[in-house]
Amino acid sequence: MGTGKLYVVSTPIGNLEDITLRAIETLKAVNLIAAEDTRHTKIILDCYNIKNPTTSYFIYNEIHKAEYLLKVLKEGKDVALVSNAGTPGISDPGYRIIRLAIENGVTVVPIPGPSGLITALTVSGKPTDKFTFEGFLSNKGAKRKNQLMKLKEESRTAVLYESPHRILKLLVDILEVYGDHEVVLARELTKKFEEVRREKVSASIAHFTAHPPKGEFIVIV
């Protein structure tokens, strides 16, 4: 018996209709779906009448769960890897099992689709020919400022992720490091309350001080 295949499946970042036909067929065909949050993934599976079993695979269990998934793959069963939204491995769990599968001769198949950073970048109005993706910067103020200083030396567009409870701290640091530079803030992309703000940092700080931020942010500088 040969090994199964590991499918790295992109799922919607908001609107459930953003899923690809190939992703739906793959999720229906595999023996097991490894999900960052099985409760979240169940919403997608129920929407498309997908009944296959799921197992959790998230940042705090990925070390031992990767070994379990490898065992399943070596039994000849196919596994689909999904995150809560977008493409697995991009600021989400995925790297460990993908690397482990490759090292053990398992075929890894990409099922491309939505990605928050690409979605935001394409509508940002910032240059897209060259960019750097930094994900979440440090939650420690001094280190975060040092990271921003290095980014400021870049000629490429910088794409960052940030949580709602830390976005104001990041914006204040950007203002200090970059000056009152124009930034793009995108949140709730493809959802009902989708918002893309293109404005000076000071304007974003004023807005989100007056209106408590909600949802994950993609920040483009």
Protein backbone atom coordinates (compact mmCIF):
# COMPACT_ATOMS: atom_id res chain seq x y z
CA MET A 1 0.00 0.00 0.00
CA GLY A 2 1.34 3.43 -0.93
CA THR A 3 1.09 6.57 1.15
CA GLY A 4 -1.84 8.90 0.94
CA LYS A 5 -1.63 12.47 -0.24
CA LEU A 6 -1.66 15.65 1.84
CA TYR A 7 -3.87 18.31 0.28
CA VAL A 8 -3.24 21.89 1.40
CA VAL A 9 -6.66 23.44 0.87
CA SER A 10 -7.42 27.17 0.86
CA THR A 11 -10.80 28.09 2.33
CA PRO A 12 -12.84 31.33 2.32
CA ILE A 13 -11.54 34.31 4.29
CA GLY A 14 -15.09 35.55 4.77
CA ASN A 15 -17.76 34.94 2.15
CA LEU A 16 -18.41 31.19 1.96
CA GLU A 17 -18.98 31.46 -1.80
CA ASP A 18 -15.29 32.26 -2.29
CA ILE A 19 -14.40 28.57 -2.01
CA THR A 20 -13.27 26.91 -5.25
CA LEU A 21 -15.01 23.96 -6.88
CA ARG A 22 -11.77 21.99 -6.61
CA ALA A 23 -11.57 22.67 -2.88
CA ILE A 24 -15.12 21.36 -2.38
CA GLU A 25 -14.41 18.19 -4.37
CA THR A 26 -11.15 17.62 -2.49
CA LEU A 27 -12.78 18.00 0.93
CA LYS A 28 -15.45 15.51 -0.15
CA ALA A 29 -12.90 12.99 -1.40
CA VAL A 30 -10.29 12.82 1.39
CA ASN A 31 -10.40 10.41 4.32
CA LEU A 32 -9.69 13.03 6.97
CA ILE A 33 -9.79 16.82 7.28
CA ALA A 34 -7.24 18.41 9.64
CA ALA A 35 -8.69 21.75 10.73
CA GLU A 36 -7.32 24.60 12.80
CA ASP A 37 -10.73 24.83 14.51
CA THR A 38 -13.15 22.01 13.76
CA ARG A 39 -16.13 24.10 14.88
CA HIS A 40 -15.24 26.86 12.42
CA THR A 41 -14.58 24.40 9.61
CA LYS A 42 -17.91 22.67 10.29
CA ILE A 43 -19.69 25.80 9.06
CA ILE A 44 -18.01 25.42 5.65
CA LEU A 45 -18.51 21.66 5.56
CA ASP A 46 -22.20 21.94 6.44
CA CYS A 47 -22.69 24.62 3.78
CA TYR A 48 -21.45 22.23 1.09
CA ASN A 49 -22.84 19.01 2.59
CA ILE A 50 -19.41 17.54 3.31
CA LYS A 51 -19.62 14.70 5.83
CA ASN A 52 -15.99 13.56 6.11
CA PRO A 53 -14.41 13.25 9.58
CA THR A 54 -12.32 16.08 11.00
CA THR A 55 -9.54 16.35 13.54
CA SER A 56 -8.03 19.42 15.18
CA TYR A 57 -4.63 20.70 14.09
CA PHE A 58 -3.68 24.01 15.68
CA ILE A 59 -0.63 25.79 17.03
CA TYR A 60 -0.73 24.18 20.49
CA ASN A 61 -1.11 20.56 19.36
CA GLU A 62 0.66 20.60 16.00
CA ILE A 63 3.83 18.82 17.22
CA HIS A 64 2.18 15.57 18.28
CA LYS A 65 -0.74 15.92 15.84
CA ALA A 66 1.66 16.17 12.90
CA GLU A 67 3.00 12.72 13.85
CA TYR A 68 -0.56 11.37 13.98
CA LEU A 69 -1.39 12.82 10.56
CA LEU A 70 1.79 11.33 9.13
CA LYS A 71 0.70 7.93 10.47
CA VAL A 72 -2.67 8.35 8.75
CA LEU A 73 -0.95 9.29 5.49
CA LYS A 74 1.38 6.28 5.72
CA GLU A 75 -1.70 4.07 6.03
CA GLY A 76 -2.59 5.17 2.51
CA LYS A 77 -5.29 7.62 3.51
CA ASP A 78 -5.62 11.12 2.04
CA VAL A 79 -5.68 14.12 4.38
CA ALA A 80 -6.85 17.69 3.69
CA LEU A 81 -5.26 20.48 5.72
CA VAL A 82 -7.34 23.62 6.26
CA SER A 83 -7.02 26.71 8.45
CA ASN A 84 -9.82 28.87 9.79
CA ALA A 85 -9.59 31.16 6.78
CA GLY A 86 -7.39 31.49 3.74
CA THR A 87 -4.32 29.40 2.95
CA PRO A 88 -2.77 27.06 5.55
CA GLY A 89 0.76 27.96 6.58
CA ILE A 90 0.36 31.69 6.01
CA SER A 91 0.33 32.99 9.62
CA ASP A 92 -1.61 29.80 10.39
CA PRO A 93 -0.57 26.24 11.34
CA GLY A 94 0.63 24.11 8.46
CA TYR A 95 4.38 24.31 8.03
CA ARG A 96 5.22 21.46 10.43
CA ILE A 97 3.00 18.78 8.84
CA ILE A 98 3.86 19.92 5.31
CA ARG A 99 7.59 19.69 6.06
CA LEU A 100 7.17 16.33 7.80
CA ALA A 101 5.17 14.96 4.87
CA ILE A 102 7.82 16.05 2.36
CA GLU A 103 10.62 14.50 4.43
CA ASN A 104 8.73 11.21 4.47
CA GLY A 105 8.04 11.04 0.76
CA VAL A 106 4.37 12.01 0.98
CA THR A 107 2.98 13.88 -2.02
CA VAL A 108 1.79 17.37 -1.02
CA VAL A 109 -0.87 18.83 -3.32
CA PRO A 110 -1.77 22.55 -3.24
CA ILE A 111 -5.44 23.46 -3.70
CA PRO A 112 -5.11 27.23 -4.18
CA GLY A 113 -7.69 29.81 -3.33
CA PRO A 114 -8.33 32.81 -1.06
CA SER A 115 -5.51 34.57 0.78
CA GLY A 116 -6.10 37.59 2.97
CA LEU A 117 -2.80 39.27 2.24
CA ILE A 118 -3.18 39.01 -1.56
CA THR A 119 -6.82 40.10 -1.41
CA ALA A 120 -5.91 43.23 0.56
CA LEU A 121 -2.81 44.02 -1.46
CA THR A 122 -4.60 43.93 -4.80
CA VAL A 123 -7.13 46.60 -3.74
CA SER A 124 -4.75 48.69 -1.62
CA GLY A 125 -3.58 51.02 -4.36
CA LYS A 126 0.00 50.40 -3.21
CA PRO A 127 2.67 48.98 -5.57
CA THR A 128 2.20 45.23 -6.01
CA ASP A 129 5.20 44.39 -8.20
CA LYS A 130 7.42 43.90 -5.13
CA PHE A 131 6.23 43.39 -1.58
CA THR A 132 7.26 41.80 1.71
CA PHE A 133 4.89 39.94 4.02
CA GLU A 134 5.78 40.14 7.71
CA GLY A 135 2.65 38.66 9.27
CA PHE A 136 2.22 39.66 12.92
CA LEU A 137 4.99 41.84 14.33
CA SER A 138 6.18 41.40 17.91
CA ASN A 139 3.76 42.15 20.74
CA LYS A 140 6.65 43.83 22.57
CA GLY A 141 6.82 47.54 21.86
CA ALA A 142 10.59 47.98 21.57
CA LYS A 143 11.03 44.96 19.30
CA ARG A 144 8.05 45.99 17.16
CA LYS A 145 9.58 49.44 16.61
CA ASN A 146 12.88 47.85 15.57
CA GLN A 147 11.02 45.67 13.09
CA LEU A 148 9.29 48.73 11.67
CA MET A 149 12.58 50.59 11.37
CA LYS A 150 13.97 47.76 9.26
CA LEU A 151 10.84 47.76 7.12
CA LYS A 152 11.14 51.50 6.59
CA GLU A 153 14.46 50.88 4.83
CA GLU A 154 12.67 48.63 2.34
CA SER A 155 11.60 49.91 -1.07
CA ARG A 156 8.98 47.17 -1.24
CA THR A 157 5.40 47.46 -0.04
CA ALA A 158 5.05 45.94 3.43
CA VAL A 159 2.04 43.81 4.37
CA LEU A 160 1.31 43.14 8.06
CA TYR A 161 -1.35 41.34 10.06
CA GLU A 162 -2.68 42.68 13.36
CA SER A 163 -5.38 41.86 15.89
CA PRO A 164 -8.10 44.36 16.89
CA HIS A 165 -6.81 44.74 20.46
CA ARG A 166 -3.29 45.64 19.26
CA ILE A 167 -3.99 47.66 16.12
CA LEU A 168 -3.82 51.06 17.82
CA LYS A 169 -0.42 50.27 19.34
CA LEU A 170 0.87 49.28 15.91
CA LEU A 171 -0.49 52.46 14.32
CA VAL A 172 1.10 54.65 16.99
CA ASP A 173 4.44 52.95 16.34
CA ILE A 174 4.05 53.39 12.58
CA LEU A 175 3.39 57.08 13.14
CA GLU A 176 6.54 57.38 15.25
CA VAL A 177 8.76 55.44 12.83
CA TYR A 178 7.36 56.48 9.45
CA GLY A 179 5.84 59.84 10.26
CA ASP A 180 2.29 60.64 9.18
CA HIS A 181 2.53 58.25 6.27
CA GLU A 182 -0.41 56.96 4.23
CA VAL A 183 -1.41 53.44 5.21
CA VAL A 184 -4.08 51.04 4.07
CA LEU A 185 -6.11 49.14 6.64
CA ALA A 186 -8.34 46.29 5.51
CA ARG A 187 -10.64 44.28 7.72
CA GLU A 188 -13.58 41.90 7.39
CA LEU A 189 -12.62 41.28 3.75
CA THR A 190 -15.35 39.59 1.66
CA LYS A 191 -17.73 39.80 4.64
CA LYS A 192 -20.83 41.96 5.11
CA PHE A 193 -18.94 44.76 6.89
CA GLU A 194 -15.87 44.75 4.64
CA GLU A 195 -13.81 47.91 5.07
CA VAL A 196 -10.70 49.22 3.32
CA ARG A 197 -9.37 52.52 4.68
CA ARG A 198 -6.71 54.46 2.77
CA GLU A 199 -5.55 57.43 4.84
CA LYS A 200 -2.82 59.03 6.94
CA VAL A 201 -1.80 57.12 10.04
CA SER A 202 -3.04 59.92 12.27
CA ALA A 203 -6.52 59.67 10.69
CA SER A 204 -6.62 55.91 11.32
CA ILE A 205 -5.57 56.43 14.94
CA ALA A 206 -8.30 59.03 15.43
CA HIS A 207 -10.93 56.82 13.80
CA PHE A 208 -10.17 53.66 15.77
CA THR A 209 -9.80 55.59 19.01
CA ALA A 210 -13.36 56.85 18.53
CA HIS A 211 -14.66 53.55 17.11
CA PRO A 212 -13.32 50.44 18.89
CA PRO A 213 -11.71 48.23 16.24
CA LYS A 214 -13.29 44.89 15.38
CA GLY A 215 -12.00 42.01 13.27
CA GLU A 216 -8.51 41.06 12.17
CA PHE A 217 -6.57 43.75 10.27
CA ILE A 218 -4.29 43.69 7.27
CA VAL A 219 -2.04 46.75 7.28
CA ILE A 220 -0.22 47.88 4.15
CA VAL A 221 2.55 50.47 4.28
